């Protein structure tokens, strides 16, 4: 399927299950080489297909580039930019996208892995170094866990984990500190005045956050402390892969005391905050992908949400209901049926 979106607002409408969300996922994949849902490439393949391929023209900083992402059921992924084989960090460095959808409620209600994915997806767009350190940490962690499972010597990996892990934790702390200020403000606007708070809880540190020069040594010391237990359970127990973000609404734990509407509003506030931070950092506006965001919001909250978008450049919106007039009047509209565009206007 070929799609020619407008440089401004694009609205995809159709019945639920018609394939609207797949289009947003394809756009996110093209920008960042992965699904915004965090699912593996095998999930993106049709059941009767061995490969998928997405290609398009992406513009950033006034420069238009041809990008393609292809992957086979053997897990081999190929990224090209202007016909040249490229790596994932180059996508993160050149392009940017923020996706907001119904599944984002799990940022508050879901397991810690959902919140860590949020951190990794959006901090990596800020920093190629973060993405590289994250890849390095995960590689070393896999080696350590393999050694633990096989009953082999594993302590030598701790120094390497402490170095990469300390940089990851420091980057997460700085990001969440900036995100907190913006997300709290967005949440107040969307919710009508409630207070939203975010607290980073790294598993590798006890008590107060140490001087940044001491994070690495503190992490390595904690790894030594838990090494006997790790040997028994045969897995690594602390580090960025076990970090948590606690969120509260009006000083009550969001996960246990928040309503579905509060979870949705808080998640939207976090994504809008990430959008603002990325725009300020990269000096261009990320592609904004909105999947059925107005379906559960009343008119007042919808208007507050639109007012929070800021100066977005290109926006993709899926909807099964009539979108707000502010977005509808100047939008290019695509009717979707069975995964195909059957009309556009």
C-alpha atoms as a PDB file:
ATOM      1  CA  UNK A   1       0.000   0.000   0.000  1.00  0.00           C
ATOM      2  CA  UNK A   2       1.230   3.511  -0.855  1.00  0.00           C
ATOM      3  CA  UNK A   3       0.309   6.539   1.233  1.00  0.00           C
ATOM      4  CA  UNK A   4       0.877  10.229   0.483  1.00  0.00           C
ATOM      5  CA  UNK A   5       0.216  12.084   3.754  1.00  0.00           C
ATOM      6  CA  UNK A   6      -0.056  15.831   4.175  1.00  0.00           C
ATOM      7  CA  UNK A   7       2.725  17.766   5.892  1.00  0.00           C
ATOM      8  CA  UNK A   8       0.198  18.855   8.553  1.00  0.00           C
ATOM      9  CA  UNK A   9      -2.750  16.933  10.006  1.00  0.00           C
ATOM     10  CA  UNK A  10      -3.691  13.492   8.653  1.00  0.00           C
ATOM     11  CA  UNK A  11      -6.809  11.689   9.872  1.00  0.00           C
ATOM     12  CA  UNK A  12      -7.397   7.966   9.314  1.00  0.00           C
ATOM     13  CA  UNK A  13     -11.007   6.971   9.920  1.00  0.00           C
ATOM     14  CA  UNK A  14     -12.820   3.687   9.724  1.00  0.00           C
ATOM     15  CA  UNK A  15     -14.385   0.957  11.822  1.00  0.00           C
ATOM     16  CA  UNK A  16     -12.495  -0.634  14.698  1.00  0.00           C
ATOM     17  CA  UNK A  17     -10.290  -3.396  13.332  1.00  0.00           C
ATOM     18  CA  UNK A  18     -10.016  -1.816   9.892  1.00  0.00           C
ATOM     19  CA  UNK A  19      -6.233  -1.424  10.111  1.00  0.00           C
ATOM     20  CA  UNK A  20      -5.864   2.218  11.156  1.00  0.00           C
ATOM     21  CA  UNK A  21      -3.437   1.467  13.989  1.00  0.00           C
ATOM     22  CA  UNK A  22      -1.215  -0.553  11.638  1.00  0.00           C
ATOM     23  CA  UNK A  23      -0.561   2.599   9.623  1.00  0.00           C
ATOM     24  CA  UNK A  24       0.650   4.458  12.706  1.00  0.00           C
ATOM     25  CA  UNK A  25       2.840   1.517  13.655  1.00  0.00           C
ATOM     26  CA  UNK A  26       4.368   1.542  10.169  1.00  0.00           C
ATOM     27  CA  UNK A  27       5.148   5.268  10.496  1.00  0.00           C
ATOM     28  CA  UNK A  28       6.802   4.750  13.896  1.00  0.00           C
ATOM     29  CA  UNK A  29       8.734   1.773  12.535  1.00  0.00           C
ATOM     30  CA  UNK A  30      10.017   3.851   9.637  1.00  0.00           C
ATOM     31  CA  UNK A  31      11.278   6.573  11.988  1.00  0.00           C
ATOM     32  CA  UNK A  32      12.821   4.383  14.691  1.00  0.00           C
ATOM     33  CA  UNK A  33      13.111   0.841  13.340  1.00  0.00           C
ATOM     34  CA  UNK A  34      10.827  -0.752  15.912  1.00  0.00           C
ATOM     35  CA  UNK A  35       7.231  -0.893  17.119  1.00  0.00           C
ATOM     36  CA  UNK A  36       6.078   1.706  19.633  1.00  0.00           C
ATOM     37  CA  UNK A  37       4.401  -1.174  21.508  1.00  0.00           C
ATOM     38  CA  UNK A  38       7.722  -2.862  22.181  1.00  0.00           C
ATOM     39  CA  UNK A  39       6.725  -6.072  20.392  1.00  0.00           C
ATOM     40  CA  UNK A  40       9.248  -8.124  18.426  1.00  0.00           C
ATOM     41  CA  UNK A  41       9.569  -8.072  14.665  1.00  0.00           C
ATOM     42  CA  UNK A  42       7.970 -11.518  14.432  1.00  0.00           C
ATOM     43  CA  UNK A  43       4.711  -9.973  15.691  1.00  0.00           C
ATOM     44  CA  UNK A  44       4.789  -7.408  12.868  1.00  0.00           C
ATOM     45  CA  UNK A  45       4.907 -10.113  10.210  1.00  0.00           C
ATOM     46  CA  UNK A  46       1.668 -11.343   8.673  1.00  0.00           C
ATOM     47  CA  UNK A  47       1.077 -14.977   9.532  1.00  0.00           C
ATOM     48  CA  UNK A  48       1.468 -16.056   5.908  1.00  0.00           C
ATOM     49  CA  UNK A  49       4.490 -13.868   5.119  1.00  0.00           C
ATOM     50  CA  UNK A  50       8.206 -14.446   5.632  1.00  0.00           C
ATOM     51  CA  UNK A  51       9.254 -10.783   5.418  1.00  0.00           C
ATOM     52  CA  UNK A  52       7.971  -7.263   5.800  1.00  0.00           C
ATOM     53  CA  UNK A  53       9.234  -4.054   4.235  1.00  0.00           C
ATOM     54  CA  UNK A  54       8.337  -0.436   4.966  1.00  0.00           C
ATOM     55  CA  UNK A  55       9.792   2.440   2.983  1.00  0.00           C
ATOM     56  CA  UNK A  56       9.188   6.142   2.698  1.00  0.00           C
ATOM     57  CA  UNK A  57      10.600   9.648   2.564  1.00  0.00           C
ATOM     58  CA  UNK A  58      11.419  11.296   5.879  1.00  0.00           C
ATOM     59  CA  UNK A  59      12.292  14.944   6.346  1.00  0.00           C
ATOM     60  CA  UNK A  60      14.205  16.391   9.285  1.00  0.00           C
ATOM     61  CA  UNK A  61      16.098  19.630   9.531  1.00  0.00           C
ATOM     62  CA  UNK A  62      15.082  20.512   5.984  1.00  0.00           C
ATOM     63  CA  UNK A  63      16.672  17.383   4.546  1.00  0.00           C
ATOM     64  CA  UNK A  64      14.601  14.670   2.815  1.00  0.00           C
ATOM     65  CA  UNK A  65      15.915  11.105   2.958  1.00  0.00           C
ATOM     66  CA  UNK A  66      14.697   7.765   1.587  1.00  0.00           C
ATOM     67  CA  UNK A  67      14.392   5.244   4.411  1.00  0.00           C
ATOM     68  CA  UNK A  68      13.533   1.555   4.273  1.00  0.00           C
ATOM     69  CA  UNK A  69      13.133  -1.065   6.998  1.00  0.00           C
ATOM     70  CA  UNK A  70      12.983  -4.743   6.071  1.00  0.00           C
ATOM     71  CA  UNK A  71      12.936  -7.829   8.262  1.00  0.00           C
ATOM     72  CA  UNK A  72      12.601 -11.559   7.729  1.00  0.00           C
ATOM     73  CA  UNK A  73      11.100 -14.224   9.972  1.00  0.00           C
ATOM     74  CA  UNK A  74      14.672 -15.265  10.752  1.00  0.00           C
ATOM     75  CA  UNK A  75      15.111 -12.019  12.648  1.00  0.00           C
ATOM     76  CA  UNK A  76      17.389 -10.354  10.148  1.00  0.00           C
ATOM     77  CA  UNK A  77      16.627  -6.639   9.905  1.00  0.00           C
ATOM     78  CA  UNK A  78      18.042  -4.314   7.272  1.00  0.00           C
ATOM     79  CA  UNK A  79      17.899  -0.536   7.523  1.00  0.00           C
ATOM     80  CA  UNK A  80      18.864   1.728   4.641  1.00  0.00           C
ATOM     81  CA  UNK A  81      19.025   5.514   4.458  1.00  0.00           C
ATOM     82  CA  UNK A  82      19.349   6.879   0.912  1.00  0.00           C
ATOM     83  CA  UNK A  83      20.232   3.369  -0.226  1.00  0.00           C
ATOM     84  CA  UNK A  84      23.104   2.987   2.255  1.00  0.00           C
ATOM     85  CA  UNK A  85      22.991   0.253   4.887  1.00  0.00           C
ATOM     86  CA  UNK A  86      22.576   1.909   8.271  1.00  0.00           C
ATOM     87  CA  UNK A  87      22.306   1.005  11.930  1.00  0.00           C
ATOM     88  CA  UNK A  88      19.543   1.688  14.439  1.00  0.00           C
ATOM     89  CA  UNK A  89      21.412   4.570  16.168  1.00  0.00           C
ATOM     90  CA  UNK A  90      21.428   6.489  12.885  1.00  0.00           C
ATOM     91  CA  UNK A  91      17.629   6.408  12.766  1.00  0.00           C
ATOM     92  CA  UNK A  92      17.389   7.654  16.346  1.00  0.00           C
ATOM     93  CA  UNK A  93      19.915  10.366  15.581  1.00  0.00           C
ATOM     94  CA  UNK A  94      18.184  11.660  12.441  1.00  0.00           C
ATOM     95  CA  UNK A  95      14.478  11.202  13.079  1.00  0.00           C
ATOM     96  CA  UNK A  96      11.988  11.400  15.907  1.00  0.00           C
ATOM     97  CA  UNK A  97       8.456  10.195  16.660  1.00  0.00           C
ATOM     98  CA  UNK A  98       6.088  10.174  19.632  1.00  0.00           C
ATOM     99  CA  UNK A  99       3.153   7.730  19.695  1.00  0.00           C
ATOM    100  CA  UNK A 100       0.132   8.036  21.983  1.00  0.00           C
ATOM    101  CA  UNK A 101      -2.455   5.258  22.120  1.00  0.00           C
ATOM    102  CA  UNK A 102      -4.884   3.264  24.300  1.00  0.00           C
ATOM    103  CA  UNK A 103      -2.143   0.860  25.388  1.00  0.00           C
ATOM    104  CA  UNK A 104      -0.356   3.733  27.148  1.00  0.00           C
ATOM    105  CA  UNK A 105      -2.544   3.259  30.222  1.00  0.00           C
ATOM    106  CA  UNK A 106      -0.137   0.435  31.034  1.00  0.00           C
ATOM    107  CA  UNK A 107       2.497   3.068  31.775  1.00  0.00           C
ATOM    108  CA  UNK A 108       0.709   3.332  35.112  1.00  0.00           C
ATOM    109  CA  UNK A 109      -1.174   0.044  35.445  1.00  0.00           C
ATOM    110  CA  UNK A 110       1.252  -2.361  33.772  1.00  0.00           C
ATOM    111  CA  UNK A 111       4.486  -4.085  34.822  1.00  0.00           C
ATOM    112  CA  UNK A 112       7.804  -2.200  35.290  1.00  0.00           C
ATOM    113  CA  UNK A 113       9.028  -3.392  31.882  1.00  0.00           C
ATOM    114  CA  UNK A 114       6.462  -1.101  30.191  1.00  0.00           C
ATOM    115  CA  UNK A 115       7.864   1.924  32.014  1.00  0.00           C
ATOM    116  CA  UNK A 116      11.448   0.948  31.213  1.00  0.00           C
ATOM    117  CA  UNK A 117      10.503   0.629  27.533  1.00  0.00           C
ATOM    118  CA  UNK A 118       9.123   4.182  27.662  1.00  0.00           C
ATOM    119  CA  UNK A 119      12.442   5.412  29.067  1.00  0.00           C
ATOM    120  CA  UNK A 120      14.527   3.525  26.522  1.00  0.00           C
ATOM    121  CA  UNK A 121      12.445   4.572  23.492  1.00  0.00           C
ATOM    122  CA  UNK A 122      12.445   8.264  24.258  1.00  0.00           C
ATOM    123  CA  UNK A 123      15.852   8.796  25.893  1.00  0.00           C
ATOM    124  CA  UNK A 124      17.438   6.991  22.931  1.00  0.00           C
ATOM    125  CA  UNK A 125      16.014   9.693  20.676  1.00  0.00           C
ATOM    126  CA  UNK A 126      17.866  12.271  22.772  1.00  0.00           C
ATOM    127  CA  UNK A 127      21.161  10.481  22.926  1.00  0.00           C
ATOM    128  CA  UNK A 128      22.924   8.071  20.588  1.00  0.00           C
ATOM    129  CA  UNK A 129      25.288   7.392  23.486  1.00  0.00           C
ATOM    130  CA  UNK A 130      22.395   6.172  25.638  1.00  0.00           C
ATOM    131  CA  UNK A 131      21.276   3.729  22.948  1.00  0.00           C
ATOM    132  CA  UNK A 132      24.809   2.425  22.558  1.00  0.00           C
ATOM    133  CA  UNK A 133      25.289   2.007  26.321  1.00  0.00           C
ATOM    134  CA  UNK A 134      21.909   0.265  26.587  1.00  0.00           C
ATOM    135  CA  UNK A 135      22.871  -2.196  23.840  1.00  0.00           C
ATOM    136  CA  UNK A 136      26.235  -2.792  25.517  1.00  0.00           C
ATOM    137  CA  UNK A 137      24.616  -3.300  28.944  1.00  0.00           C
ATOM    138  CA  UNK A 138      22.074  -5.791  27.590  1.00  0.00           C
ATOM    139  CA  UNK A 139      24.810  -7.732  25.806  1.00  0.00           C
ATOM    140  CA  UNK A 140      26.935  -7.983  28.978  1.00  0.00           C
ATOM    141  CA  UNK A 141      23.859  -8.838  31.064  1.00  0.00           C
ATOM    142  CA  UNK A 142      23.009 -11.727  28.730  1.00  0.00           C
ATOM    143  CA  UNK A 143      26.567 -13.035  29.060  1.00  0.00           C
ATOM    144  CA  UNK A 144      26.445 -12.798  32.844  1.00  0.00           C
ATOM    145  CA  UNK A 145      23.074 -14.548  33.038  1.00  0.00           C
ATOM    146  CA  UNK A 146      24.373 -17.333  30.780  1.00  0.00           C
ATOM    147  CA  UNK A 147      27.351 -17.783  33.090  1.00  0.00           C
ATOM    148  CA  UNK A 148      25.072 -17.851  36.150  1.00  0.00           C
ATOM    149  CA  UNK A 149      22.805 -20.414  34.542  1.00  0.00           C
ATOM    150  CA  UNK A 150      25.754 -22.661  33.678  1.00  0.00           C
ATOM    151  CA  UNK A 151      27.305 -22.315  37.144  1.00  0.00           C
ATOM    152  CA  UNK A 152      30.394 -20.561  35.765  1.00  0.00           C
ATOM    153  CA  UNK A 153      32.362 -17.590  37.102  1.00  0.00           C
ATOM    154  CA  UNK A 154      30.299 -14.431  36.621  1.00  0.00           C
ATOM    155  CA  UNK A 155      31.763 -11.753  38.931  1.00  0.00           C
ATOM    156  CA  UNK A 156      34.067 -10.413  36.206  1.00  0.00           C
ATOM    157  CA  UNK A 157      31.009  -9.051  34.385  1.00  0.00           C
ATOM    158  CA  UNK A 158      30.051  -6.821  37.320  1.00  0.00           C
ATOM    159  CA  UNK A 159      32.652  -4.139  36.594  1.00  0.00           C
ATOM    160  CA  UNK A 160      31.465  -3.894  32.991  1.00  0.00           C
ATOM    161  CA  UNK A 161      27.821  -3.784  34.040  1.00  0.00           C
ATOM    162  CA  UNK A 162      28.533  -1.071  36.600  1.00  0.00           C
ATOM    163  CA  UNK A 163      30.170   1.170  34.003  1.00  0.00           C
ATOM    164  CA  UNK A 164      27.386   0.951  31.396  1.00  0.00           C
ATOM    165  CA  UNK A 165      24.633   0.738  33.986  1.00  0.00           C
ATOM    166  CA  UNK A 166      25.727   3.845  35.858  1.00  0.00           C
ATOM    167  CA  UNK A 167      25.537   5.898  32.656  1.00  0.00           C
ATOM    168  CA  UNK A 168      22.078   4.507  31.898  1.00  0.00           C
ATOM    169  CA  UNK A 169      20.798   5.305  35.382  1.00  0.00           C
ATOM    170  CA  UNK A 170      22.231   8.827  35.314  1.00  0.00           C
ATOM    171  CA  UNK A 171      20.643   9.522  31.923  1.00  0.00           C
ATOM    172  CA  UNK A 172      17.291   8.191  33.159  1.00  0.00           C
ATOM    173  CA  UNK A 173      17.447  10.369  36.255  1.00  0.00           C
ATOM    174  CA  UNK A 174      18.138  13.558  34.263  1.00  0.00           C
ATOM    175  CA  UNK A 175      15.421  12.735  31.724  1.00  0.00           C
ATOM    176  CA  UNK A 176      12.771  12.046  34.365  1.00  0.00           C
ATOM    177  CA  UNK A 177      13.698  15.179  36.283  1.00  0.00           C
ATOM    178  CA  UNK A 178      12.971  17.279  33.191  1.00  0.00           C
ATOM    179  CA  UNK A 179       9.953  15.167  32.235  1.00  0.00           C
ATOM    180  CA  UNK A 180       8.375  15.562  35.683  1.00  0.00           C
ATOM    181  CA  UNK A 181       8.103  19.345  35.401  1.00  0.00           C
ATOM    182  CA  UNK A 182       6.393  19.216  32.016  1.00  0.00           C
ATOM    183  CA  UNK A 183       4.218  16.147  32.667  1.00  0.00           C
ATOM    184  CA  UNK A 184       2.831  17.620  35.887  1.00  0.00           C
ATOM    185  CA  UNK A 185       1.826  20.787  34.033  1.00  0.00           C
ATOM    186  CA  UNK A 186       0.213  18.870  31.141  1.00  0.00           C
ATOM    187  CA  UNK A 187      -1.673  16.633  33.559  1.00  0.00           C
ATOM    188  CA  UNK A 188      -3.110  19.623  35.412  1.00  0.00           C
ATOM    189  CA  UNK A 189      -4.399  21.040  32.119  1.00  0.00           C
ATOM    190  CA  UNK A 190      -5.933  17.773  30.927  1.00  0.00           C
ATOM    191  CA  UNK A 191      -7.386  16.685  34.274  1.00  0.00           C
ATOM    192  CA  UNK A 192      -8.553  20.086  35.462  1.00  0.00           C
ATOM    193  CA  UNK A 193      -6.111  20.578  38.327  1.00  0.00           C
ATOM    194  CA  UNK A 194      -4.983  17.221  39.755  1.00  0.00           C
ATOM    195  CA  UNK A 195      -1.345  16.704  40.753  1.00  0.00           C
ATOM    196  CA  UNK A 196       0.830  14.110  39.029  1.00  0.00           C
ATOM    197  CA  UNK A 197       4.258  13.039  40.250  1.00  0.00           C
ATOM    198  CA  UNK A 198       7.011  10.749  38.931  1.00  0.00           C
ATOM    199  CA  UNK A 199       9.678   9.106  41.096  1.00  0.00           C
ATOM    200  CA  UNK A 200      12.622   7.163  39.653  1.00  0.00           C
ATOM    201  CA  UNK A 201      13.640   4.119  41.702  1.00  0.00           C
ATOM    202  CA  UNK A 202      16.834   2.443  40.422  1.00  0.00           C
ATOM    203  CA  UNK A 203      17.170  -1.087  41.765  1.00  0.00           C
ATOM    204  CA  UNK A 204      20.954  -0.826  42.078  1.00  0.00           C
ATOM    205  CA  UNK A 205      21.008   2.071  44.555  1.00  0.00           C
ATOM    206  CA  UNK A 206      19.874   2.165  48.171  1.00  0.00           C
ATOM    207  CA  UNK A 207      18.817   5.366  49.876  1.00  0.00           C
ATOM    208  CA  UNK A 208      19.616   8.827  48.526  1.00  0.00           C
ATOM    209  CA  UNK A 209      21.118   9.317  45.088  1.00  0.00           C
ATOM    210  CA  UNK A 210      24.912   9.601  45.484  1.00  0.00           C
ATOM    211  CA  UNK A 211      27.217  12.093  43.810  1.00  0.00           C
ATOM    212  CA  UNK A 212      27.255  11.215  40.106  1.00  0.00           C
ATOM    213  CA  UNK A 213      30.931  10.318  40.290  1.00  0.00           C
ATOM    214  CA  UNK A 214      30.020   7.682  42.879  1.00  0.00           C
ATOM    215  CA  UNK A 215      27.139   5.994  41.017  1.00  0.00           C
ATOM    216  CA  UNK A 216      29.399   3.488  39.270  1.00  0.00           C
ATOM    217  CA  UNK A 217      31.261   2.443  42.426  1.00  0.00           C
ATOM    218  CA  UNK A 218      28.007   2.253  44.429  1.00  0.00           C
ATOM    219  CA  UNK A 219      26.470   0.026  41.758  1.00  0.00           C
ATOM    220  CA  UNK A 220      29.491  -2.283  41.699  1.00  0.00           C
ATOM    221  CA  UNK A 221      29.453  -2.512  45.489  1.00  0.00           C
ATOM    222  CA  UNK A 222      25.773  -3.504  45.431  1.00  0.00           C
ATOM    223  CA  UNK A 223      26.517  -6.131  42.782  1.00  0.00           C
ATOM    224  CA  UNK A 224      29.121  -7.647  45.084  1.00  0.00           C
ATOM    225  CA  UNK A 225      26.603  -7.654  47.949  1.00  0.00           C
ATOM    226  CA  UNK A 226      24.003  -9.654  46.003  1.00  0.00           C
ATOM    227  CA  UNK A 227      26.433 -12.002  44.220  1.00  0.00           C
ATOM    228  CA  UNK A 228      25.803 -14.926  46.599  1.00  0.00           C
ATOM    229  CA  UNK A 229      22.047 -14.650  46.091  1.00  0.00           C
ATOM    230  CA  UNK A 230      22.490 -14.336  42.333  1.00  0.00           C
ATOM    231  CA  UNK A 231      24.523 -17.531  42.335  1.00  0.00           C
ATOM    232  CA  UNK A 232      21.653 -19.338  44.056  1.00  0.00           C
ATOM    233  CA  UNK A 233      18.822 -18.023  41.856  1.00  0.00           C
ATOM    234  CA  UNK A 234      21.024 -18.117  38.714  1.00  0.00           C
ATOM    235  CA  UNK A 235      20.110 -14.662  37.424  1.00  0.00           C
ATOM    236  CA  UNK A 236      21.183 -11.040  37.782  1.00  0.00           C
ATOM    237  CA  UNK A 237      19.028  -9.328  40.377  1.00  0.00           C
ATOM    238  CA  UNK A 238      19.821  -5.607  40.224  1.00  0.00           C
ATOM    239  CA  UNK A 239      20.571  -3.029  37.571  1.00  0.00           C
ATOM    240  CA  UNK A 240      18.776  -0.861  35.001  1.00  0.00           C
ATOM    241  CA  UNK A 241      16.911  -3.939  33.728  1.00  0.00           C
ATOM    242  CA  UNK A 242      15.126  -4.023  37.115  1.00  0.00           C
ATOM    243  CA  UNK A 243      14.486  -0.277  37.540  1.00  0.00           C
ATOM    244  CA  UNK A 244      11.060   1.090  38.402  1.00  0.00           C
ATOM    245  CA  UNK A 245       9.211   4.390  38.025  1.00  0.00           C
ATOM    246  CA  UNK A 246       6.603   5.086  40.678  1.00  0.00           C
ATOM    247  CA  UNK A 247       3.821   7.515  39.708  1.00  0.00           C
ATOM    248  CA  UNK A 248       1.311   9.156  41.996  1.00  0.00           C
ATOM    249  CA  UNK A 249      -1.885  11.121  41.422  1.00  0.00           C
ATOM    250  CA  UNK A 250      -2.862  13.543  44.185  1.00  0.00           C
ATOM    251  CA  UNK A 251      -0.215  11.895  46.395  1.00  0.00           C
ATOM    252  CA  UNK A 252      -1.766   8.412  46.017  1.00  0.00           C
ATOM    253  CA  UNK A 253      -0.075   5.535  44.130  1.00  0.00           C
ATOM    254  CA  UNK A 254      -1.311   5.754  40.549  1.00  0.00           C
ATOM    255  CA  UNK A 255      -1.091   2.028  39.926  1.00  0.00           C
ATOM    256  CA  UNK A 256      -3.407   1.019  42.763  1.00  0.00           C
ATOM    257  CA  UNK A 257      -5.544   4.126  43.278  1.00  0.00           C
ATOM    258  CA  UNK A 258      -5.889   5.589  39.776  1.00  0.00           C
ATOM    259  CA  UNK A 259      -8.953   5.197  37.580  1.00  0.00           C
ATOM    260  CA  UNK A 260      -8.790   4.189  33.901  1.00  0.00           C
ATOM    261  CA  UNK A 261      -9.350   7.846  32.956  1.00  0.00           C
ATOM    262  CA  UNK A 262      -6.572   9.017  35.267  1.00  0.00           C
ATOM    263  CA  UNK A 263      -4.172   6.411  33.868  1.00  0.00           C
ATOM    264  CA  UNK A 264      -4.962   7.537  30.332  1.00  0.00           C
ATOM    265  CA  UNK A 265      -4.578  11.238  31.152  1.00  0.00           C
ATOM    266  CA  UNK A 266      -1.287  10.675  32.998  1.00  0.00           C
ATOM    267  CA  UNK A 267       0.130   8.599  30.145  1.00  0.00           C
ATOM    268  CA  UNK A 268      -0.837  11.279  27.622  1.00  0.00           C
ATOM    269  CA  UNK A 269       0.819  13.906  29.835  1.00  0.00           C
ATOM    270  CA  UNK A 270       4.045  11.868  29.888  1.00  0.00           C
ATOM    271  CA  UNK A 271       4.069  11.466  26.110  1.00  0.00           C
ATOM    272  CA  UNK A 272       3.382  15.177  25.535  1.00  0.00           C
ATOM    273  CA  UNK A 273       6.234  15.998  27.903  1.00  0.00           C
ATOM    274  CA  UNK A 274       8.527  13.685  25.914  1.00  0.00           C
ATOM    275  CA  UNK A 275       7.353  15.405  22.700  1.00  0.00           C
ATOM    276  CA  UNK A 276       8.241  18.833  24.106  1.00  0.00           C
ATOM    277  CA  UNK A 277      11.660  17.696  25.357  1.00  0.00           C
ATOM    278  CA  UNK A 278      12.500  16.079  22.016  1.00  0.00           C
ATOM    279  CA  UNK A 279      11.413  19.124  20.053  1.00  0.00           C
ATOM    280  CA  UNK A 280      13.556  21.445  22.179  1.00  0.00           C
ATOM    281  CA  UNK A 281      16.559  19.110  22.041  1.00  0.00           C
ATOM    282  CA  UNK A 282      16.500  18.241  18.345  1.00  0.00           C
ATOM    283  CA  UNK A 283      15.347  21.646  17.083  1.00  0.00           C
ATOM    284  CA  UNK A 284      12.653  20.039  14.949  1.00  0.00           C
ATOM    285  CA  UNK A 285       9.236  18.655  15.751  1.00  0.00           C
ATOM    286  CA  UNK A 286       8.826  14.865  16.111  1.00  0.00           C
ATOM    287  CA  UNK A 287       6.121  13.151  14.092  1.00  0.00           C
ATOM    288  CA  UNK A 288       3.114  12.924  16.419  1.00  0.00           C
ATOM    289  CA  UNK A 289       1.041   9.716  16.167  1.00  0.00           C
ATOM    290  CA  UNK A 290      -2.312   9.709  17.977  1.00  0.00           C
ATOM    291  CA  UNK A 291      -4.291   6.465  18.110  1.00  0.00           C
ATOM    292  CA  UNK A 292      -7.928   6.986  19.233  1.00  0.00           C
ATOM    293  CA  UNK A 293      -6.865   9.521  21.875  1.00  0.00           C
ATOM    294  CA  UNK A 294     -10.170  11.434  21.854  1.00  0.00           C
ATOM    295  CA  UNK A 295     -12.456   8.394  22.152  1.00  0.00           C
ATOM    296  CA  UNK A 296     -12.618   8.496  25.957  1.00  0.00           C
ATOM    297  CA  UNK A 297     -12.183  12.243  26.557  1.00  0.00           C
ATOM    298  CA  UNK A 298     -15.001  14.748  27.015  1.00  0.00           C
ATOM    299  CA  UNK A 299     -15.029  17.999  25.025  1.00  0.00           C
ATOM    300  CA  UNK A 300     -13.262  20.005  27.731  1.00  0.00           C
ATOM    301  CA  UNK A 301     -10.401  17.540  28.069  1.00  0.00           C
ATOM    302  CA  UNK A 302     -10.164  17.158  24.284  1.00  0.00           C
ATOM    303  CA  UNK A 303      -9.716  20.918  23.887  1.00  0.00           C
ATOM    304  CA  UNK A 304      -7.154  20.974  26.683  1.00  0.00           C
ATOM    305  CA  UNK A 305      -5.265  18.155  24.976  1.00  0.00           C
ATOM    306  CA  UNK A 306      -5.238  19.914  21.600  1.00  0.00           C
ATOM    307  CA  UNK A 307      -3.976  23.066  23.283  1.00  0.00           C
ATOM    308  CA  UNK A 308      -1.110  21.037  24.751  1.00  0.00           C
ATOM    309  CA  UNK A 309       0.204  19.783  21.410  1.00  0.00           C
ATOM    310  CA  UNK A 310       2.202  22.960  20.868  1.00  0.00           C
ATOM    311  CA  UNK A 311       3.631  23.754  17.464  1.00  0.00           C
ATOM    312  CA  UNK A 312       3.562  20.270  15.974  1.00  0.00           C
ATOM    313  CA  UNK A 313       4.438  19.963  12.309  1.00  0.00           C
ATOM    314  CA  UNK A 314       3.027  16.624  11.163  1.00  0.00           C
ATOM    315  CA  UNK A 315       0.326  14.715  12.979  1.00  0.00           C
ATOM    316  CA  UNK A 316      -1.309  11.345  12.269  1.00  0.00           C
ATOM    317  CA  UNK A 317      -4.624  10.645  14.005  1.00  0.00           C
ATOM    318  CA  UNK A 318      -6.765   7.503  13.914  1.00  0.00           C
ATOM    319  CA  UNK A 319     -10.400   7.724  14.932  1.00  0.00           C
ATOM    320  CA  UNK A 320     -13.670   5.826  14.752  1.00  0.00           C
ATOM    321  CA  UNK A 321     -15.557   8.943  15.917  1.00  0.00           C
ATOM    322  CA  UNK A 322     -15.722  12.508  14.646  1.00  0.00           C
ATOM    323  CA  UNK A 323     -12.443  14.254  15.602  1.00  0.00           C
ATOM    324  CA  UNK A 324     -12.407  17.720  17.226  1.00  0.00           C
ATOM    325  CA  UNK A 325     -13.146  20.531  14.778  1.00  0.00           C
ATOM    326  CA  UNK A 326      -9.795  22.225  15.493  1.00  0.00           C
ATOM    327  CA  UNK A 327      -8.011  19.291  13.886  1.00  0.00           C
ATOM    328  CA  UNK A 328     -10.693  18.280  11.404  1.00  0.00           C
ATOM    329  CA  UNK A 329     -11.059  21.503   9.438  1.00  0.00           C
ATOM    330  CA  UNK A 330      -7.599  21.572   7.837  1.00  0.00           C
ATOM    331  CA  UNK A 331      -6.839  17.843   7.805  1.00  0.00           C
ATOM    332  CA  UNK A 332      -6.245  15.422   4.977  1.00  0.00           C
ATOM    333  CA  UNK A 333      -8.585  12.485   5.547  1.00  0.00           C
ATOM    334  CA  UNK A 334      -8.116   8.830   4.634  1.00  0.00           C
ATOM    335  CA  UNK A 335     -10.864   6.221   4.867  1.00  0.00           C
ATOM    336  CA  UNK A 336      -9.438   2.837   5.860  1.00  0.00           C
ATOM    337  CA  UNK A 337     -11.051  -0.553   5.232  1.00  0.00           C
ATOM    338  CA  UNK A 338      -9.443  -3.986   5.586  1.00  0.00           C
ATOM    339  CA  UNK A 339      -6.002  -2.419   5.898  1.00  0.00           C
ATOM    340  CA  UNK A 340      -6.359  -0.403   2.688  1.00  0.00           C
ATOM    341  CA  UNK A 341      -7.005   3.259   1.905  1.00  0.00           C
ATOM    342  CA  UNK A 342     -10.280   3.253  -0.035  1.00  0.00           C
ATOM    343  CA  UNK A 343     -10.655   7.047  -0.297  1.00  0.00           C
ATOM    344  CA  UNK A 344      -8.849  10.267   0.590  1.00  0.00           C
ATOM    345  CA  UNK A 345      -9.893  13.901   0.632  1.00  0.00           C
END
